[in-house]
């Protein structure tokens, strides 16, 4: 029983090692870290960007709202006629 437990532990260790991501060199890790901070620093949202986002949201929502209001008015007109 003791030998099978050791074998199970060895198998688990092999599985853990196989599932680890490949090791990256220190220089590559440092470059990736500086690129991520540089990308975060470049994000500047201005009032024009916010206005563009609002217009984009309205352009998606407005047609559906107009159709809903039109159908509602049509039903009210047909039932109250």
N, C-alpha and C. Protein backbone atom coordinates (compact mmCIF):
# COMPACT_ATOMS: atom_id res chain seq x y z
N UNK A 1 0.82 -1.19 0.00
CA UNK A 1 0.00 0.00 0.00
C UNK A 1 0.87 1.26 0.00
N UNK A 2 1.97 1.22 0.70
CA UNK A 2 2.86 2.37 0.77
C UNK A 2 3.45 2.70 -0.60
N UNK A 3 3.78 1.67 -1.36
CA UNK A 3 4.36 1.89 -2.68
C UNK A 3 3.36 2.52 -3.65
N UNK A 4 2.10 2.11 -3.58
CA UNK A 4 1.09 2.67 -4.49
C UNK A 4 0.83 4.13 -4.15
N UNK A 5 0.87 4.50 -2.88
CA UNK A 5 0.67 5.89 -2.48
C UNK A 5 1.80 6.76 -3.03
N UNK A 6 3.01 6.25 -2.99
CA UNK A 6 4.15 6.99 -3.52
C UNK A 6 4.01 7.16 -5.04
N UNK A 7 3.54 6.11 -5.69
CA UNK A 7 3.34 6.18 -7.14
C UNK A 7 2.27 7.22 -7.49
N UNK A 8 1.22 7.25 -6.69
CA UNK A 8 0.16 8.25 -6.91
C UNK A 8 0.72 9.65 -6.74
N UNK A 9 1.54 9.85 -5.72
CA UNK A 9 2.15 11.17 -5.51
C UNK A 9 3.06 11.54 -6.67
N UNK A 10 3.81 10.57 -7.19
CA UNK A 10 4.68 10.84 -8.33
C UNK A 10 3.87 11.22 -9.57
N UNK A 11 2.77 10.51 -9.78
CA UNK A 11 1.90 10.81 -10.92
C UNK A 11 1.29 12.21 -10.78
N UNK A 12 0.85 12.55 -9.58
CA UNK A 12 0.29 13.87 -9.35
C UNK A 12 1.33 14.96 -9.60
N UNK A 13 2.55 14.72 -9.18
CA UNK A 13 3.62 15.69 -9.41
C UNK A 13 3.89 15.86 -10.90
N UNK A 14 3.89 14.76 -11.66
CA UNK A 14 4.09 14.84 -13.11
C UNK A 14 2.95 15.62 -13.78
N UNK A 15 1.73 15.39 -13.31
CA UNK A 15 0.58 16.10 -13.87
C UNK A 15 0.68 17.59 -13.58
N UNK A 16 1.07 17.93 -12.36
CA UNK A 16 1.21 19.34 -12.00
C UNK A 16 2.27 20.03 -12.86
N UNK A 17 3.40 19.36 -13.06
CA UNK A 17 4.46 19.93 -13.89
C UNK A 17 4.02 20.08 -15.33
N UNK A 18 3.24 19.12 -15.82
CA UNK A 18 2.78 19.18 -17.22
C UNK A 18 1.78 20.32 -17.43
N UNK A 19 1.03 20.67 -16.39
CA UNK A 19 0.02 21.72 -16.52
C UNK A 19 0.56 23.12 -16.26
N UNK A 20 1.78 23.23 -15.81
CA UNK A 20 2.35 24.55 -15.58
C UNK A 20 2.64 25.24 -16.92
N UNK A 21 2.45 26.56 -17.00
CA UNK A 21 2.81 27.25 -18.23
C UNK A 21 4.32 27.25 -18.40
N UNK A 22 4.80 27.37 -19.62
CA UNK A 22 6.25 27.38 -19.82
C UNK A 22 6.88 28.60 -19.14
N UNK A 23 8.04 28.40 -18.59
CA UNK A 23 8.72 29.48 -17.88
C UNK A 23 9.20 30.54 -18.88
N UNK A 24 9.02 31.81 -18.51
CA UNK A 24 9.45 32.90 -19.37
C UNK A 24 10.75 33.48 -18.80
N UNK A 25 11.64 33.91 -19.66
CA UNK A 25 12.86 34.55 -19.16
C UNK A 25 12.52 35.86 -18.44
N UNK A 26 13.39 36.24 -17.53
CA UNK A 26 13.17 37.45 -16.73
C UNK A 26 13.05 38.70 -17.60
N UNK A 27 13.85 38.79 -18.66
CA UNK A 27 13.80 39.98 -19.51
C UNK A 27 12.45 40.09 -20.21
N UNK A 28 11.92 38.96 -20.67
CA UNK A 28 10.63 38.98 -21.36
C UNK A 28 9.51 39.39 -20.40
N UNK A 29 9.57 38.92 -19.17
CA UNK A 29 8.57 39.28 -18.18
C UNK A 29 8.62 40.78 -17.90
N UNK A 30 9.83 41.33 -17.81
CA UNK A 30 9.97 42.77 -17.56
C UNK A 30 9.44 43.58 -18.73
N UNK A 31 9.69 43.15 -19.96
CA UNK A 31 9.19 43.86 -21.13
C UNK A 31 7.68 43.83 -21.17
N UNK A 32 7.09 42.68 -20.88
CA UNK A 32 5.63 42.57 -20.88
C UNK A 32 5.04 43.48 -19.81
N UNK A 33 5.66 43.53 -18.64
CA UNK A 33 5.15 44.37 -17.56
C UNK A 33 5.21 45.85 -17.95
N UNK A 34 6.27 46.28 -18.60
CA UNK A 34 6.36 47.69 -18.98
C UNK A 34 5.38 48.01 -20.10
N UNK A 35 5.13 47.06 -21.01
CA UNK A 35 4.16 47.29 -22.07
C UNK A 35 2.76 47.44 -21.51
N UNK A 36 2.40 46.63 -20.51
CA UNK A 36 1.08 46.72 -19.92
C UNK A 36 0.89 48.05 -19.21
N UNK A 37 1.89 48.53 -18.51
CA UNK A 37 1.74 49.81 -17.83
C UNK A 37 1.70 50.95 -18.84
N UNK A 38 2.42 50.82 -19.95
CA UNK A 38 2.38 51.85 -20.98
C UNK A 38 1.01 51.91 -21.64
N UNK A 39 0.40 50.75 -21.87
CA UNK A 39 -0.94 50.73 -22.45
C UNK A 39 -1.95 51.35 -21.50
N UNK A 40 -1.82 51.11 -20.22
CA UNK A 40 -2.74 51.69 -19.25
C UNK A 40 -2.59 53.20 -19.19
N UNK A 41 -1.39 53.69 -19.36
CA UNK A 41 -1.14 55.13 -19.28
C UNK A 41 -1.65 55.87 -20.51
N UNK A 42 -1.80 55.18 -21.65
CA UNK A 42 -2.22 55.83 -22.88
C UNK A 42 -3.72 56.06 -22.97
N UNK A 43 -4.50 55.52 -22.06
CA UNK A 43 -5.95 55.64 -22.14
C UNK A 43 -6.36 57.00 -21.59
N UNK A 44 -6.84 57.85 -22.49
CA UNK A 44 -7.36 59.16 -22.11
C UNK A 44 -8.73 59.30 -22.74
N UNK A 45 -9.77 59.33 -21.91
CA UNK A 45 -11.12 59.48 -22.43
C UNK A 45 -11.50 60.95 -22.29
N UNK A 46 -11.83 61.54 -23.42
CA UNK A 46 -12.21 62.95 -23.43
C UNK A 46 -13.72 63.07 -23.51
N UNK A 47 -14.21 64.30 -23.47
CA UNK A 47 -15.64 64.55 -23.57
C UNK A 47 -16.16 64.13 -24.94
N UNK A 48 -15.34 64.28 -25.98
CA UNK A 48 -15.76 63.87 -27.32
C UNK A 48 -15.94 62.36 -27.40
N UNK A 49 -15.08 61.61 -26.69
CA UNK A 49 -15.21 60.15 -26.67
C UNK A 49 -16.51 59.72 -25.99
N UNK A 50 -16.81 60.38 -24.88
CA UNK A 50 -18.04 60.05 -24.16
C UNK A 50 -19.26 60.40 -25.02
N UNK A 51 -19.21 61.54 -25.68
CA UNK A 51 -20.30 61.94 -26.57
C UNK A 51 -20.48 60.92 -27.69
N UNK A 52 -19.39 60.43 -28.25
CA UNK A 52 -19.46 59.42 -29.31
C UNK A 52 -20.07 58.12 -28.78
N UNK A 53 -19.74 57.74 -27.55
CA UNK A 53 -20.32 56.53 -26.97
C UNK A 53 -21.82 56.69 -26.75
N UNK A 54 -22.24 57.87 -26.31
CA UNK A 54 -23.66 58.13 -26.10
C UNK A 54 -24.41 58.07 -27.43
N UNK A 55 -23.85 58.68 -28.47
CA UNK A 55 -24.47 58.65 -29.79
C UNK A 55 -24.56 57.21 -30.30
N UNK A 56 -23.53 56.42 -30.08
CA UNK A 56 -23.55 55.02 -30.52
C UNK A 56 -24.64 54.23 -29.79
N UNK A 57 -24.79 54.47 -28.50
CA UNK A 57 -25.84 53.78 -27.74
C UNK A 57 -27.22 54.19 -28.24
N UNK A 58 -27.41 55.48 -28.49
CA UNK A 58 -28.70 55.95 -29.01
C UNK A 58 -28.98 55.36 -30.39
N UNK A 59 -27.96 55.23 -31.21
CA UNK A 59 -28.18 54.70 -32.55
C UNK A 59 -28.60 53.23 -32.50
N UNK A 60 -28.25 52.55 -31.44
CA UNK A 60 -28.67 51.16 -31.28
C UNK A 60 -30.08 51.09 -30.69
N UNK A 61 -30.37 51.91 -29.70
CA UNK A 61 -31.62 51.84 -28.96
C UNK A 61 -32.77 52.55 -29.68
N UNK A 62 -32.50 53.67 -30.31
CA UNK A 62 -33.55 54.52 -30.86
C UNK A 62 -34.45 53.82 -31.88
N UNK A 63 -33.95 53.04 -32.83
CA UNK A 63 -34.87 52.37 -33.76
C UNK A 63 -35.87 51.43 -33.07
N UNK A 64 -35.41 50.69 -32.08
CA UNK A 64 -36.30 49.78 -31.36
C UNK A 64 -37.33 50.56 -30.56
N UNK A 65 -36.93 51.65 -29.95
CA UNK A 65 -37.87 52.48 -29.20
C UNK A 65 -38.90 53.10 -30.14
N UNK A 66 -38.49 53.55 -31.30
CA UNK A 66 -39.42 54.14 -32.27
C UNK A 66 -40.42 53.10 -32.75
N UNK A 67 -39.95 51.89 -33.02
CA UNK A 67 -40.86 50.82 -33.45
C UNK A 67 -41.85 50.49 -32.35
N UNK A 68 -41.39 50.40 -31.11
CA UNK A 68 -42.28 50.10 -29.99
C UNK A 68 -43.34 51.18 -29.83
N UNK A 69 -42.93 52.45 -29.89
CA UNK A 69 -43.89 53.55 -29.76
C UNK A 69 -44.87 53.55 -30.93
N UNK A 70 -44.38 53.28 -32.13
CA UNK A 70 -45.27 53.24 -33.29
C UNK A 70 -46.30 52.13 -33.19
N UNK A 71 -45.90 50.95 -32.77
CA UNK A 71 -46.84 49.84 -32.62
C UNK A 71 -47.84 50.14 -31.52
N UNK A 72 -47.37 50.74 -30.43
CA UNK A 72 -48.27 51.10 -29.34
C UNK A 72 -49.32 52.10 -29.82
N UNK A 73 -48.90 53.12 -30.54
CA UNK A 73 -49.84 54.12 -31.07
C UNK A 73 -50.82 53.46 -32.04
N UNK A 74 -50.35 52.56 -32.88
CA UNK A 74 -51.22 51.86 -33.81
C UNK A 74 -52.29 51.05 -33.08
N UNK A 75 -51.91 50.31 -32.05
CA UNK A 75 -52.89 49.53 -31.29
C UNK A 75 -53.89 50.43 -30.58
N UNK A 76 -53.41 51.51 -29.99
CA UNK A 76 -54.32 52.45 -29.32
C UNK A 76 -55.29 53.03 -30.33
N UNK A 77 -54.84 53.40 -31.49
CA UNK A 77 -55.69 53.95 -32.54
C UNK A 77 -56.73 52.92 -32.98
N UNK A 78 -56.30 51.65 -33.17
CA UNK A 78 -57.23 50.62 -33.63
C UNK A 78 -58.28 50.27 -32.58
N UNK A 79 -57.91 50.26 -31.32
CA UNK A 79 -58.88 49.90 -30.27
C UNK A 79 -59.80 51.06 -29.90
N UNK A 80 -59.37 52.28 -30.06
CA UNK A 80 -60.20 53.42 -29.70
C UNK A 80 -61.01 53.97 -30.87
N UNK A 81 -60.87 53.42 -32.02
CA UNK A 81 -61.57 53.91 -33.20
C UNK A 81 -63.01 53.65 -33.14
